[in-house]
C-alpha atoms as a PDB file:
ATOM      1  CA  MET A   1       0.000   0.000   0.000  1.00  0.00           C
ATOM      2  CA  ASN A   2       1.185   3.531  -0.692  1.00  0.00           C
ATOM      3  CA  PHE A   3       1.263   5.645   2.454  1.00  0.00           C
ATOM      4  CA  PRO A   4       2.949   8.990   2.995  1.00  0.00           C
ATOM      5  CA  PRO A   5       6.556   8.333   4.116  1.00  0.00           C
ATOM      6  CA  GLN A   6       6.029   9.571   7.671  1.00  0.00           C
ATOM      7  CA  LEU A   7       2.956   7.366   8.141  1.00  0.00           C
ATOM      8  CA  GLN A   8       4.756   4.407   6.560  1.00  0.00           C
ATOM      9  CA  GLN A   9       7.575   4.793   9.090  1.00  0.00           C
ATOM     10  CA  LYS A  10       5.123   4.817  11.996  1.00  0.00           C
ATOM     11  CA  ILE A  11       3.341   1.745  10.625  1.00  0.00           C
ATOM     12  CA  GLU A  12       6.648  -0.097  10.286  1.00  0.00           C
ATOM     13  CA  LYS A  13       7.704   0.914  13.801  1.00  0.00           C
ATOM     14  CA  TRP A  14       4.460  -0.329  15.396  1.00  0.00           C
ATOM     15  CA  ALA A  15       4.373  -3.484  13.299  1.00  0.00           C
ATOM     16  CA  ASN A  16       7.948  -4.333  14.278  1.00  0.00           C
ATOM     17  CA  SER A  17       7.214  -3.678  17.941  1.00  0.00           C
ATOM     18  CA  GLN A  18       4.355  -6.187  17.740  1.00  0.00           C
ATOM     19  CA  GLY A  19       6.362  -8.696  15.735  1.00  0.00           C
ATOM     20  CA  ILE A  20       4.055  -8.673  12.706  1.00  0.00           C
ATOM     21  CA  SER A  21       4.336  -7.537   9.092  1.00  0.00           C
ATOM     22  CA  THR A  22       3.236  -4.082   8.029  1.00  0.00           C
ATOM     23  CA  GLU A  23       0.414  -5.653   6.027  1.00  0.00           C
ATOM     24  CA  GLN A  24      -0.793  -7.570   9.073  1.00  0.00           C
ATOM     25  CA  PHE A  25      -0.587  -4.405  11.162  1.00  0.00           C
ATOM     26  CA  VAL A  26      -2.644  -2.393   8.644  1.00  0.00           C
ATOM     27  CA  LEU A  27      -5.253  -5.155   8.331  1.00  0.00           C
ATOM     28  CA  GLN A  28      -5.471  -5.458  12.111  1.00  0.00           C
ATOM     29  CA  ALA A  29      -5.838  -1.685  12.497  1.00  0.00           C
ATOM     30  CA  ILE A  30      -8.590  -1.574   9.874  1.00  0.00           C
ATOM     31  CA  ALA A  31     -10.410  -4.516  11.474  1.00  0.00           C
ATOM     32  CA  GLU A  32     -10.234  -2.829  14.891  1.00  0.00           C
ATOM     33  CA  LYS A  33     -11.557   0.452  13.452  1.00  0.00           C
ATOM     34  CA  ILE A  34     -14.441  -1.330  11.725  1.00  0.00           C
ATOM     35  CA  ALA A  35     -15.292  -3.169  14.954  1.00  0.00           C
ATOM     36  CA  THR A  36     -15.279   0.122  16.879  1.00  0.00           C
ATOM     37  CA  LEU A  37     -17.505   1.853  14.318  1.00  0.00           C
ATOM     38  CA  SER A  38     -19.871  -1.117  14.226  1.00  0.00           C
ATOM     39  CA  GLN A  39     -20.132  -1.053  18.014  1.00  0.00           C
ATOM     40  CA  GLN A  40     -20.870   2.691  17.971  1.00  0.00           C
ATOM     41  CA  VAL A  41     -23.603   2.231  15.370  1.00  0.00           C
ATOM     42  CA  THR A  42     -25.111  -0.606  17.403  1.00  0.00           C
ATOM     43  CA  GLU A  43     -25.068   1.509  20.575  1.00  0.00           C
ATOM     44  CA  GLU A  44     -26.626   4.500  18.781  1.00  0.00           C
ATOM     45  CA  HIS A  45     -29.304   2.259  17.274  1.00  0.00           C
ATOM     46  CA  THR A  46     -30.070   0.747  20.682  1.00  0.00           C
ATOM     47  CA  GLN A  47     -30.219   4.212  22.255  1.00  0.00           C
ATOM     48  CA  GLN A  48     -32.522   5.531  19.522  1.00  0.00           C
ATOM     49  CA  ASN A  49     -34.829   2.543  19.897  1.00  0.00           C
ATOM     50  CA  SER A  50     -35.026   2.990  23.662  1.00  0.00           C
ATOM     51  CA  GLU A  51     -35.739   6.705  23.236  1.00  0.00           C
ATOM     52  CA  ILE A  52     -38.493   5.976  20.739  1.00  0.00           C
ATOM     53  CA  THR A  53     -40.149   3.437  23.016  1.00  0.00           C
ATOM     54  CA  ASN A  54     -40.108   5.766  26.031  1.00  0.00           C
ATOM     55  CA  VAL A  55     -43.543   7.232  26.618  1.00  0.00           C
ATOM     56  CA  LEU A  56     -43.332  11.003  26.916  1.00  0.00           C
ATOM     57  CA  PRO A  57     -45.968  13.263  28.480  1.00  0.00           C
ATOM     58  CA  LEU A  58     -48.120  15.112  25.973  1.00  0.00           C
ATOM     59  CA  ASN A  59     -46.631  18.288  24.500  1.00  0.00           C
ATOM     60  CA  GLN A  60     -43.118  17.281  25.593  1.00  0.00           C
ATOM     61  CA  PRO A  61     -40.593  17.300  22.739  1.00  0.00           C
ATOM     62  CA  ASN A  62     -38.763  14.086  21.927  1.00  0.00           C
ATOM     63  CA  ILE A  63     -35.077  14.969  21.489  1.00  0.00           C
ATOM     64  CA  TYR A  64     -32.492  12.569  20.078  1.00  0.00           C
ATOM     65  CA  ARG A  65     -29.625  12.321  17.609  1.00  0.00           C
ATOM     66  CA  LYS A  66     -29.989  10.625  14.247  1.00  0.00           C
ATOM     67  CA  GLU A  67     -26.906  10.228  12.079  1.00  0.00           C
ATOM     68  CA  GLY A  68     -25.192  12.999  14.030  1.00  0.00           C
ATOM     69  CA  ILE A  69     -28.054  15.494  13.667  1.00  0.00           C
ATOM     70  CA  LEU A  70     -30.047  16.751  16.645  1.00  0.00           C
ATOM     71  CA  VAL A  71     -33.722  15.973  16.074  1.00  0.00           C
ATOM     72  CA  VAL A  72     -36.515  17.590  18.079  1.00  0.00           C
ATOM     73  CA  GLU A  73     -39.928  16.066  17.560  1.00  0.00           C
ATOM     74  CA  ALA A  74     -42.584  18.405  18.887  1.00  0.00           C
ATOM     75  CA  GLU A  75     -45.949  19.775  17.926  1.00  0.00           C
ATOM     76  CA  LEU A  76     -45.790  23.116  16.174  1.00  0.00           C
ATOM     77  CA  PRO A  77     -47.726  26.018  17.675  1.00  0.00           C
ATOM     78  CA  GLU A  78     -51.006  26.924  16.011  1.00  0.00           C
ATOM     79  CA  ASN A  79     -50.671  29.376  13.126  1.00  0.00           C
ATOM     80  CA  PHE A  80     -47.000  28.430  12.643  1.00  0.00           C
ATOM     81  CA  ASP A  81     -45.955  29.318   9.095  1.00  0.00           C
ATOM     82  CA  VAL A  82     -43.044  27.133   8.001  1.00  0.00           C
ATOM     83  CA  ASN A  83     -42.348  29.241   4.918  1.00  0.00           C
ATOM     84  CA  ALA A  84     -42.207  32.461   6.941  1.00  0.00           C
ATOM     85  CA  PHE A  85     -39.903  30.780   9.447  1.00  0.00           C
ATOM     86  CA  ILE A  86     -37.550  29.646   6.675  1.00  0.00           C
ATOM     87  CA  ASP A  87     -37.583  33.140   5.162  1.00  0.00           C
ATOM     88  CA  GLU A  88     -36.645  34.626   8.555  1.00  0.00           C
ATOM     89  CA  LEU A  89     -33.778  32.162   8.915  1.00  0.00           C
ATOM     90  CA  ARG A  90     -32.516  32.981   5.438  1.00  0.00           C
ATOM     91  CA  GLU A  91     -32.675  36.712   6.164  1.00  0.00           C
ATOM     92  CA  GLU A  92     -30.764  36.253   9.434  1.00  0.00           C
ATOM     93  CA  ARG A  93     -28.126  34.208   7.630  1.00  0.00           C
ATOM     94  CA  ILE A  94     -27.740  36.872   4.946  1.00  0.00           C
ATOM     95  CA  GLN A  95     -27.414  39.588   7.577  1.00  0.00           C
ATOM     96  CA  ASP A  96     -24.819  37.531   9.467  1.00  0.00           C
ATOM     97  CA  ARG A  97     -22.728  37.174   6.318  1.00  0.00           C
ATOM     98  CA  ILE A  98     -22.970  40.877   5.530  1.00  0.00           C
ATOM     99  CA  THR A  99     -21.733  41.965   8.950  1.00  0.00           C
END
């Protein structure tokens, strides 16, 4: 595999210290990273499922993260105009960029 020279040196150093080839070290590192990511996804999925199954009092927002984005599930107030809200946000953003 082609790694930047500095990274290649570190890989070789760690592989040698563990008594394995650089290829084995890279494969092991990738396998460990995949296992860690898989565990995180499983934990997030479990947490989301438990949050969904929790019964919340009426009019209480349900707040959770989905794919790294904060999600707030709540009823909108009466007479809430989504288009006007979006226009206000756009205007604020434009003003922030101007100043």
